[in-house]
Amino acid sequence: MRYCGTTSGLVSDVQRDSVNLLMALYAAAVEAVSPYGTVVEHADYLRRMFDAGGFRRLYVAAIGKSAYGMARAIEDTLPDILTDGVAITKYGHADVHPLGKTRVFEAAHPTPDEHGLEATRYLLGLARGLDEQTLLLCLLSGGGSALFVCPPDGVTLQDKQTTTRLLLNAGANIAELNAVRKHLSLVKGGRFAMMAYPARVVSLIISDCVGDPLDVIASGPTAADTTTFADALDVLRRYDLTHQLPTFVVNHLLEGQSGLHPDTPKDGDAVLRDVENIIVANNLKALNAAHTRATIMGNDARILTDSLTGEARTAARWLASQLRQQQRPTTSPLCLISGGETTVTVRGSGTGGRNMELALAFAIEIEGVDGVTLLSAGTDGTDCVDSAAGALVNGYTTIRAKNMGMDPVQYLNNNDSYNFFHQLGDLFVTGPTQTNVMDIQLIKQQ
């Protein structure tokens, strides 16, 4: 990973040290939620389950941005009992080296594409016809909603693409987005576990959702769904999208609400009786690792929240206010740590993700303040655009921009944070981390 800024953006060695610290904390956070490591930690449990249950076959279905690393962990630790497997991940999130028994597919995220549809069909072919002597291990992570795609009859892939884009641009949060996705799918919302019945299903899950709701992460393919067709329609009405969406999408949801299509499996459904869902990594685990590293490095480290939500620019103002309110009983540098997943309601024509928008809004809030540096970045290494995970800012970011003839507020209002930071050279670039536990914000005050 690297900070793309130049030394012109840093007014002192102190701020250069702050950038290095925040990058080290980000690295510690990501390492703590490594897809490979978190699955290895559960390998002995899986082997005991396999042996005690008298299973004859172990199949793997790895779905999400972390799919490759999670599947590789099973290949390395349980090769003698692994029968077959499929991993579906985002473009660029798989190693060039193929796995032994697990076939790897790459597809698009956050909007599904034909490769995701093809990969899903292949996995369903593997999963159909399983019996009680089969243990189906699902390895789920963020991004699974877009990568695991199987629309119902009458709804096309293009319909799902349009629906996804409109909801994202409207500022729908992940729970709202997935409530709709689950009711436009034959595999989400517990339906994949229903297809695998009567096989025993265990899911190891890396959570990319606030509060770790099982039915929201990757749209809960093996979890009881808490939403209905009516809830999906409510989301569309909330964002005034019913007249913008493809006719077949709205009609399918209306027919489902009327009982013409079966709803997703709910809690207590017999097909979910032999399903176990286990959260193996989440945002708080990453934040705790950053906190430990910051403390070891001599900082007064404090975790503010692992549930930062709402509009990115509103979250930025909240973080700035929290910084101002902190009491400083010691002379140690202050390090504030937070995480979650904000949203951006797109009103302009620019390019940028929620982390870059938050960073830009925070930079406006702290203009001229010395000794404060913030890093906001996605733990998956991308922030709307694949070329950046987020951005780093300090009290002189907006001053530098104005000296270059750039109006920070205008860029913020145009949702053009990527081009703002690209011109300044202040993007934070990691490449794909192959994990995903939402976003983290790290603030250092000297």
Protein backbone atom coordinates (compact mmCIF):
# COMPACT_ATOMS: atom_id res chain seq x y z
CA MET A 1 0.00 0.00 0.00
CA ARG A 2 1.11 3.54 -0.50
CA TYR A 3 0.15 7.15 0.10
CA CYS A 4 0.19 8.87 -3.25
CA GLY A 5 0.76 12.33 -1.85
CA THR A 6 3.98 14.25 -2.26
CA THR A 7 5.99 15.94 0.45
CA SER A 8 4.41 19.23 -0.61
CA GLY A 9 1.27 18.06 1.18
CA LEU A 10 3.13 17.60 4.45
CA VAL A 11 4.21 20.66 6.36
CA SER A 12 6.52 18.89 8.82
CA ASP A 13 8.19 15.65 9.78
CA VAL A 14 5.46 15.28 12.42
CA GLN A 15 2.77 14.99 9.77
CA ARG A 16 4.93 12.64 7.74
CA ASP A 17 5.17 10.46 10.84
CA SER A 18 1.40 10.68 11.25
CA VAL A 19 0.85 9.36 7.72
CA ASN A 20 3.23 6.47 8.38
CA LEU A 21 1.43 5.65 11.64
CA LEU A 22 -2.03 5.63 10.06
CA MET A 23 -0.82 3.41 7.24
CA ALA A 24 0.63 0.99 9.81
CA LEU A 25 -2.67 0.93 11.71
CA TYR A 26 -4.60 0.25 8.51
CA ALA A 27 -2.25 -2.63 7.70
CA ALA A 28 -2.73 -4.10 11.19
CA ALA A 29 -6.51 -3.84 10.88
CA VAL A 30 -6.59 -5.58 7.51
CA GLU A 31 -4.20 -8.30 8.62
CA ALA A 32 -6.44 -9.11 11.60
CA VAL A 33 -9.33 -9.93 9.28
CA SER A 34 -7.31 -11.87 6.74
CA PRO A 35 -9.61 -14.33 4.95
CA TYR A 36 -6.94 -17.02 5.02
CA GLY A 37 -6.14 -16.64 8.71
CA THR A 38 -9.71 -16.43 9.93
CA VAL A 39 -10.64 -19.68 8.16
CA VAL A 40 -7.49 -21.49 9.34
CA GLU A 41 -8.55 -20.65 12.91
CA HIS A 42 -11.69 -22.76 12.35
CA ALA A 43 -10.11 -25.70 10.49
CA ASP A 44 -9.91 -27.97 13.54
CA TYR A 45 -13.58 -27.29 14.34
CA LEU A 46 -14.58 -28.23 10.80
CA ARG A 47 -12.54 -31.44 10.86
CA ARG A 48 -14.10 -32.51 14.16
CA MET A 49 -17.56 -31.79 12.76
CA PHE A 50 -16.82 -33.78 9.61
CA ASP A 51 -15.55 -36.78 11.57
CA ALA A 52 -18.25 -36.71 14.25
CA GLY A 53 -21.03 -36.34 11.70
CA GLY A 54 -19.92 -39.30 9.65
CA PHE A 55 -19.88 -37.23 6.46
CA ARG A 56 -18.43 -38.69 3.28
CA ARG A 57 -18.06 -35.53 1.22
CA LEU A 58 -17.00 -31.92 1.84
CA TYR A 59 -18.00 -29.32 -0.74
CA VAL A 60 -16.92 -25.68 -0.64
CA ALA A 61 -18.90 -22.71 -1.93
CA ALA A 62 -16.82 -19.56 -1.47
CA ILE A 63 -18.59 -16.34 -2.46
CA GLY A 64 -17.39 -12.73 -2.11
CA LYS A 65 -14.32 -10.53 -2.26
CA SER A 66 -12.56 -12.82 0.22
CA ALA A 67 -13.53 -16.04 -1.54
CA TYR A 68 -10.09 -16.93 -2.91
CA GLY A 69 -8.21 -16.59 0.37
CA MET A 70 -10.92 -18.41 2.34
CA ALA A 71 -11.01 -21.27 -0.17
CA ARG A 72 -7.23 -21.53 -0.21
CA ALA A 73 -7.24 -21.94 3.56
CA ILE A 74 -9.50 -24.99 3.23
CA GLU A 75 -7.33 -26.40 0.43
CA ASP A 76 -4.27 -26.07 2.68
CA THR A 77 -5.76 -27.35 5.95
CA LEU A 78 -8.36 -29.95 4.91
CA PRO A 79 -7.10 -31.35 1.58
CA ASP A 80 -7.75 -34.96 2.57
CA ILE A 81 -11.48 -34.49 3.11
CA LEU A 82 -12.22 -31.79 0.51
CA THR A 83 -14.19 -33.26 -2.38
CA ASP A 84 -14.88 -30.31 -4.68
CA GLY A 85 -15.46 -26.58 -4.58
CA VAL A 86 -16.25 -23.31 -6.33
CA ALA A 87 -15.01 -19.81 -5.48
CA ILE A 88 -16.66 -16.70 -6.98
CA THR A 89 -14.83 -13.45 -6.37
CA LYS A 90 -14.39 -9.97 -7.78
CA TYR A 91 -12.12 -9.27 -10.73
CA GLY A 92 -8.54 -8.92 -9.51
CA HIS A 93 -9.24 -10.55 -6.14
CA ALA A 94 -7.87 -14.01 -6.96
CA ASP A 95 -4.26 -15.12 -7.05
CA VAL A 96 -2.81 -16.10 -10.41
CA HIS A 97 -2.17 -19.59 -9.04
CA PRO A 98 -5.17 -21.94 -9.44
CA LEU A 99 -6.50 -23.89 -6.50
CA GLY A 100 -6.33 -27.66 -6.45
CA LYS A 101 -9.94 -28.84 -6.11
CA THR A 102 -11.72 -25.49 -6.10
CA ARG A 103 -12.59 -23.84 -9.40
CA VAL A 104 -12.22 -20.05 -9.23
CA PHE A 105 -14.46 -17.60 -11.10
CA GLU A 106 -14.10 -13.83 -11.24
CA ALA A 107 -17.02 -11.49 -11.87
CA ALA A 108 -18.16 -7.89 -11.50
CA HIS A 109 -18.97 -5.93 -8.34
CA PRO A 110 -21.01 -3.95 -7.27
CA THR A 111 -23.13 -4.40 -10.39
CA PRO A 112 -23.48 -8.06 -11.50
CA ASP A 113 -22.42 -9.27 -14.93
CA GLU A 114 -22.60 -12.33 -17.18
CA HIS A 115 -19.54 -13.92 -15.57
CA GLY A 116 -21.28 -13.85 -12.19
CA LEU A 117 -24.34 -15.44 -13.73
CA GLU A 118 -22.22 -18.17 -15.33
CA ALA A 119 -20.32 -18.84 -12.10
CA THR A 120 -23.54 -19.06 -10.11
CA ARG A 121 -25.00 -21.58 -12.55
CA TYR A 122 -21.88 -23.71 -12.22
CA LEU A 123 -22.06 -23.62 -8.42
CA LEU A 124 -25.74 -24.50 -8.41
CA GLY A 125 -24.97 -27.49 -10.59
CA LEU A 126 -22.48 -28.62 -7.95
CA ALA A 127 -24.85 -28.02 -5.06
CA ARG A 128 -27.95 -29.71 -6.45
CA GLY A 129 -28.53 -33.29 -5.40
CA LEU A 130 -26.55 -33.14 -2.13
CA ASP A 131 -27.58 -35.55 0.62
CA GLU A 132 -27.28 -36.05 4.38
CA GLN A 133 -23.76 -37.43 4.00
CA THR A 134 -22.51 -34.16 2.53
CA LEU A 135 -21.10 -31.22 4.48
CA LEU A 136 -21.47 -28.02 2.45
CA LEU A 137 -19.06 -25.37 3.68
CA CYS A 138 -20.02 -21.86 2.56
CA LEU A 139 -17.34 -19.19 2.84
CA LEU A 140 -19.15 -15.87 2.61
CA SER A 141 -17.88 -12.30 2.49
CA GLY A 142 -18.80 -8.85 1.30
CA GLY A 143 -19.51 -8.51 -2.38
CA GLY A 144 -21.36 -11.79 -2.48
CA SER A 145 -24.66 -10.08 -3.29
CA ALA A 146 -23.39 -8.94 -6.68
CA LEU A 147 -21.21 -11.97 -7.43
CA PHE A 148 -23.80 -14.65 -6.63
CA VAL A 149 -26.54 -13.83 -9.10
CA CYS A 150 -29.51 -15.87 -10.29
CA PRO A 151 -32.59 -13.78 -11.18
CA PRO A 152 -36.06 -15.39 -11.23
CA ASP A 153 -37.94 -16.08 -14.44
CA GLY A 154 -39.01 -12.88 -16.16
CA VAL A 155 -36.24 -10.75 -14.59
CA THR A 156 -33.10 -10.35 -16.69
CA LEU A 157 -29.53 -9.69 -15.67
CA GLN A 158 -29.86 -6.25 -17.22
CA ASP A 159 -32.91 -5.61 -15.01
CA LYS A 160 -30.84 -6.45 -11.94
CA GLN A 161 -27.98 -4.25 -13.13
CA THR A 162 -30.31 -1.28 -13.57
CA THR A 163 -31.93 -1.86 -10.18
CA THR A 164 -28.56 -2.06 -8.43
CA ARG A 165 -27.27 1.15 -10.01
CA LEU A 166 -30.39 3.13 -9.20
CA LEU A 167 -30.40 2.03 -5.56
CA LEU A 168 -26.70 2.77 -5.13
CA ASN A 169 -27.00 6.22 -6.69
CA ALA A 170 -30.04 6.99 -4.54
CA GLY A 171 -27.98 6.41 -1.39
CA ALA A 172 -29.67 3.19 -0.25
CA ASN A 173 -27.78 1.48 2.55
CA ILE A 174 -26.66 -2.14 2.32
CA ALA A 175 -29.64 -3.53 4.24
CA GLU A 176 -32.09 -1.72 1.96
CA LEU A 177 -30.20 -2.72 -1.17
CA ASN A 178 -30.08 -6.35 -0.13
CA ALA A 179 -33.75 -6.45 0.85
CA VAL A 180 -34.49 -5.80 -2.81
CA ARG A 181 -31.74 -8.11 -4.10
CA LYS A 182 -33.02 -11.03 -2.00
CA HIS A 183 -36.45 -10.79 -3.58
CA LEU A 184 -35.06 -10.67 -7.10
CA SER A 185 -33.00 -13.84 -6.66
CA LEU A 186 -33.27 -17.61 -6.53
CA VAL A 187 -30.18 -17.99 -4.30
CA LYS A 188 -30.22 -15.14 -1.79
CA GLY A 189 -32.12 -14.84 1.47
CA GLY A 190 -31.66 -18.48 2.56
CA ARG A 191 -32.59 -19.93 -0.83
CA PHE A 192 -29.15 -21.42 -1.45
CA ALA A 193 -29.35 -23.42 1.78
CA MET A 194 -32.84 -24.48 0.73
CA MET A 195 -31.42 -25.79 -2.56
CA ALA A 196 -28.69 -27.72 -0.71
CA TYR A 197 -31.14 -29.38 1.70
CA PRO A 198 -30.82 -32.02 3.17
CA ALA A 199 -27.04 -31.50 3.25
CA ARG A 200 -25.50 -30.13 6.45
CA VAL A 201 -24.53 -26.50 5.84
CA VAL A 202 -21.91 -24.51 7.74
CA SER A 203 -21.10 -20.93 6.76
CA LEU A 204 -17.98 -19.07 7.87
CA ILE A 205 -18.72 -15.40 7.34
CA ILE A 206 -16.60 -12.26 7.09
CA SER A 207 -19.05 -9.49 7.89
CA ASP A 208 -19.19 -6.30 5.85
CA CYS A 209 -22.36 -5.02 7.54
CA VAL A 210 -22.95 -2.93 10.66
CA GLY A 211 -24.17 -5.18 13.47
CA ASP A 212 -23.28 -8.38 11.55
CA PRO A 213 -26.86 -9.24 10.44
CA LEU A 214 -26.68 -12.73 8.93
CA ASP A 215 -29.44 -12.11 6.42
CA VAL A 216 -27.76 -8.97 5.03
CA ILE A 217 -24.14 -10.11 4.61
CA ALA A 218 -23.82 -11.27 0.99
CA SER A 219 -27.66 -11.16 1.05
CA GLY A 220 -27.72 -14.13 3.42
CA PRO A 221 -27.73 -17.13 1.06
CA THR A 222 -27.71 -19.52 4.03
CA ALA A 223 -29.59 -17.44 6.60
CA ALA A 224 -33.25 -16.98 7.48
CA ASP A 225 -34.50 -13.79 5.87
CA THR A 226 -36.08 -11.11 8.03
CA THR A 227 -37.46 -9.15 5.05
CA THR A 228 -40.40 -9.71 2.71
CA PHE A 229 -41.56 -8.72 -0.76
CA ALA A 230 -43.44 -5.88 0.92
CA ASP A 231 -40.20 -4.63 2.52
CA ALA A 232 -38.48 -4.64 -0.88
CA LEU A 233 -41.29 -2.56 -2.37
CA ASP A 234 -41.10 -0.15 0.57
CA VAL A 235 -37.42 0.46 -0.22
CA LEU A 236 -38.24 1.32 -3.83
CA ARG A 237 -41.00 3.70 -2.74
CA ARG A 238 -38.76 5.29 -0.12
CA TYR A 239 -36.34 6.35 -2.85
CA ASP A 240 -39.09 7.07 -5.41
CA LEU A 241 -37.75 4.45 -7.83
CA THR A 242 -40.83 2.44 -8.75
CA HIS A 243 -41.39 4.42 -11.95
CA GLN A 244 -37.70 4.33 -12.95
CA LEU A 245 -37.16 0.59 -12.60
CA PRO A 246 -37.75 -2.04 -15.30
CA THR A 247 -41.40 -3.13 -15.42
CA PHE A 248 -40.57 -6.80 -14.82
CA VAL A 249 -38.75 -5.94 -11.57
CA VAL A 250 -41.68 -4.06 -10.07
CA ASN A 251 -44.18 -6.63 -11.33
CA HIS A 252 -42.23 -9.52 -9.79
CA LEU A 253 -42.16 -7.80 -6.40
CA LEU A 254 -45.87 -6.94 -6.59
CA GLU A 255 -46.70 -10.53 -7.53
CA GLY A 256 -44.61 -11.76 -4.62
CA GLN A 257 -46.39 -9.44 -2.23
CA SER A 258 -49.68 -10.90 -3.52
CA GLY A 259 -48.50 -14.43 -2.82
CA LEU A 260 -47.88 -15.49 -6.41
CA HIS A 261 -44.21 -16.20 -5.64
CA PRO A 262 -42.99 -17.93 -2.46
CA ASP A 263 -41.16 -15.64 -0.08
CA THR A 264 -37.66 -16.33 1.22
CA PRO A 265 -37.20 -18.91 4.04
CA LYS A 266 -37.84 -17.48 7.51
CA ASP A 267 -36.61 -18.35 10.98
CA GLY A 268 -37.82 -21.81 11.97
CA ASP A 269 -38.12 -23.11 8.43
CA ALA A 270 -37.29 -26.82 8.29
CA VAL A 271 -34.82 -26.37 5.38
CA LEU A 272 -32.64 -24.21 7.63
CA ARG A 273 -32.65 -26.57 10.61
CA ASP A 274 -29.20 -28.03 9.84
CA VAL A 275 -27.55 -24.71 8.95
CA GLU A 276 -24.90 -23.06 11.15
CA ASN A 277 -23.73 -19.50 10.42
CA ILE A 278 -20.54 -18.31 12.14
CA ILE A 279 -19.11 -14.78 12.03
CA VAL A 280 -15.32 -15.19 11.84
CA ALA A 281 -14.29 -11.56 11.24
CA ASN A 282 -15.91 -8.14 11.38
CA ASN A 283 -15.17 -4.45 11.60
CA LEU A 284 -14.69 -4.45 15.37
CA LYS A 285 -12.01 -7.14 15.09
CA ALA A 286 -10.14 -4.88 12.66
CA LEU A 287 -10.56 -1.81 14.86
CA ASN A 288 -9.31 -3.68 17.92
CA ALA A 289 -6.17 -4.67 16.01
CA ALA A 290 -5.58 -1.04 15.01
CA HIS A 291 -6.14 0.02 18.62
CA THR A 292 -3.59 -2.51 19.90
CA ARG A 293 -0.99 -1.43 17.34
CA ALA A 294 -1.55 2.27 18.11
CA THR A 295 -1.17 1.69 21.84
CA ILE A 296 2.02 -0.34 21.38
CA MET A 297 3.40 2.55 19.31
CA GLY A 298 2.85 4.96 22.22
CA ASN A 299 -0.45 6.60 21.32
CA ASP A 300 -3.51 7.36 23.41
CA ALA A 301 -5.80 5.20 21.25
CA ARG A 302 -9.60 5.29 21.49
CA ILE A 303 -12.28 3.46 19.50
CA LEU A 304 -15.22 5.76 18.86
CA THR A 305 -17.59 3.34 17.10
CA ASP A 306 -17.76 0.39 14.74
CA SER A 307 -21.18 1.54 13.53
CA LEU A 308 -20.50 4.75 11.63
CA THR A 309 -23.35 5.14 9.14
CA GLY A 310 -25.35 7.83 7.36
CA GLU A 311 -24.20 10.32 4.74
CA ALA A 312 -20.41 10.42 4.44
CA ARG A 313 -20.21 14.19 4.79
CA THR A 314 -22.42 14.10 7.91
CA ALA A 315 -20.17 11.40 9.38
CA ALA A 316 -17.16 13.63 8.66
CA ARG A 317 -18.67 16.48 10.65
CA TRP A 318 -19.40 14.08 13.52
CA LEU A 319 -15.80 12.86 13.54
CA ALA A 320 -14.51 16.45 13.58
CA SER A 321 -16.79 17.26 16.52
CA GLN A 322 -15.62 14.14 18.38
CA LEU A 323 -12.03 15.21 17.86
CA ARG A 324 -12.75 18.63 19.36
CA GLN A 325 -14.50 17.10 22.39
CA GLN A 326 -11.77 14.66 23.40
CA GLN A 327 -10.09 15.25 26.77
CA ARG A 328 -6.30 14.92 26.71
CA PRO A 329 -5.13 13.75 30.17
CA THR A 330 -1.70 12.76 28.83
CA THR A 331 0.81 14.20 26.42
CA SER A 332 0.72 11.07 24.26
CA PRO A 333 -0.48 11.62 20.69
CA LEU A 334 -4.22 11.02 20.35
CA CYS A 335 -5.43 8.35 17.93
CA LEU A 336 -9.18 8.07 17.24
CA ILE A 337 -10.42 4.92 15.52
CA SER A 338 -13.81 4.30 13.96
CA GLY A 339 -15.43 2.10 11.36
CA GLY A 340 -18.68 1.30 9.62
CA GLU A 341 -20.21 2.03 6.27
CA THR A 342 -21.51 5.41 5.24
CA THR A 343 -23.49 6.24 2.12
CA VAL A 344 -23.37 8.91 -0.57
CA THR A 345 -26.45 10.31 -2.21
CA VAL A 346 -25.21 11.16 -5.70
CA ARG A 347 -26.43 14.59 -6.78
CA GLY A 348 -23.46 15.69 -8.85
CA SER A 349 -21.74 14.33 -11.94
CA GLY A 350 -18.34 13.58 -10.41
CA THR A 351 -16.54 10.40 -9.38
CA GLY A 352 -15.78 9.24 -5.86
CA GLY A 353 -16.54 6.80 -3.09
CA ARG A 354 -17.82 7.20 0.43
CA ASN A 355 -14.34 7.22 2.00
CA MET A 356 -13.00 9.89 -0.33
CA GLU A 357 -16.15 11.97 0.17
CA LEU A 358 -15.81 11.63 3.95
CA ALA A 359 -12.14 12.60 3.79
CA LEU A 360 -12.89 15.68 1.68
CA ALA A 361 -15.67 16.79 4.01
CA PHE A 362 -13.39 16.24 7.02
CA ALA A 363 -10.62 18.27 5.37
CA ILE A 364 -13.04 21.17 4.95
CA GLU A 365 -13.97 20.91 8.64
CA ILE A 366 -10.36 21.04 9.89
CA GLU A 367 -8.93 23.57 7.43
CA GLY A 368 -5.93 25.32 8.98
CA VAL A 369 -5.77 23.05 12.04
CA ASP A 370 -2.21 21.91 12.66
CA GLY A 371 -1.25 18.41 13.77
CA VAL A 372 -4.39 16.52 12.65
CA THR A 373 -4.32 13.81 9.97
CA LEU A 374 -7.11 11.46 8.87
CA LEU A 375 -7.11 8.30 6.79
CA SER A 376 -10.46 6.97 5.61
CA ALA A 377 -10.34 3.82 3.52
CA GLY A 378 -12.21 0.68 2.57
CA THR A 379 -10.73 -2.48 4.03
CA ASP A 380 -11.22 -4.18 0.67
CA GLY A 381 -8.82 -1.77 -1.02
CA THR A 382 -11.43 -0.08 -3.20
CA ASP A 383 -13.62 2.96 -2.74
CA CYS A 384 -16.06 3.11 -5.66
CA VAL A 385 -13.11 3.14 -8.04
CA ASP A 386 -10.68 0.22 -8.00
CA SER A 387 -7.61 2.44 -8.19
CA ALA A 388 -7.91 3.80 -4.65
CA ALA A 389 -8.99 2.62 -1.21
CA GLY A 390 -9.59 6.11 0.13
CA ALA A 391 -7.63 9.25 0.94
CA LEU A 392 -5.43 10.96 3.53
CA VAL A 393 -6.05 14.55 4.59
CA ASN A 394 -4.73 17.08 7.08
CA GLY A 395 -5.40 20.69 8.02
CA TYR A 396 -3.59 21.95 4.94
CA THR A 397 -5.29 19.79 2.31
CA THR A 398 -7.92 22.33 1.34
CA ILE A 399 -5.41 25.20 1.52
CA ARG A 400 -3.17 23.40 -0.97
CA ALA A 401 -6.17 22.79 -3.19
CA LYS A 402 -7.17 26.46 -3.18
CA ASN A 403 -3.60 27.44 -4.05
CA MET A 404 -3.98 25.19 -7.10
CA GLY A 405 -7.21 26.95 -8.10
CA MET A 406 -9.51 24.19 -6.82
CA ASP A 407 -12.66 24.84 -4.78
CA PRO A 408 -13.04 21.98 -2.24
CA VAL A 409 -16.71 22.73 -1.55
CA GLN A 410 -17.52 22.67 -5.24
CA TYR A 411 -15.83 19.28 -5.61
CA LEU A 412 -17.77 17.97 -2.60
CA ASN A 413 -21.10 19.22 -3.94
CA ASN A 414 -20.36 17.58 -7.30
CA ASN A 415 -19.52 14.25 -5.59
CA ASP A 416 -16.13 14.51 -7.28
CA SER A 417 -13.82 13.57 -4.43
CA TYR A 418 -11.78 11.13 -6.53
CA ASN A 419 -10.70 13.78 -9.01
CA PHE A 420 -10.04 16.21 -6.14
CA PHE A 421 -7.59 13.85 -4.47
CA HIS A 422 -6.21 12.59 -7.76
CA GLN A 423 -5.17 16.12 -8.72
CA LEU A 424 -3.66 16.71 -5.28
CA GLY A 425 -1.92 13.34 -5.35
CA ASP A 426 -3.47 12.39 -2.00
CA LEU A 427 -5.13 9.08 -2.83
CA PHE A 428 -4.48 6.07 -0.62
CA VAL A 429 -3.74 3.01 -2.77
CA THR A 430 -3.51 -0.57 -1.52
CA GLY A 431 -4.71 -2.77 -4.34
CA PRO A 432 -7.19 -5.56 -3.50
CA THR A 433 -6.74 -6.73 0.10
CA GLN A 434 -8.98 -9.79 -0.49
CA THR A 435 -10.92 -9.05 2.67
CA ASN A 436 -13.86 -6.76 3.40
CA VAL A 437 -15.13 -5.56 6.77
CA MET A 438 -16.45 -2.20 5.59
CA ASP A 439 -14.45 1.00 6.16
CA ILE A 440 -12.14 2.38 8.80
CA GLN A 441 -11.30 5.96 9.76
CA LEU A 442 -8.07 6.68 11.60
CA ILE A 443 -7.33 10.13 13.06
CA LYS A 444 -4.00 11.16 14.56
CA GLN A 445 -3.68 14.36 16.61
CA GLN A 446 -0.22 15.29 17.74
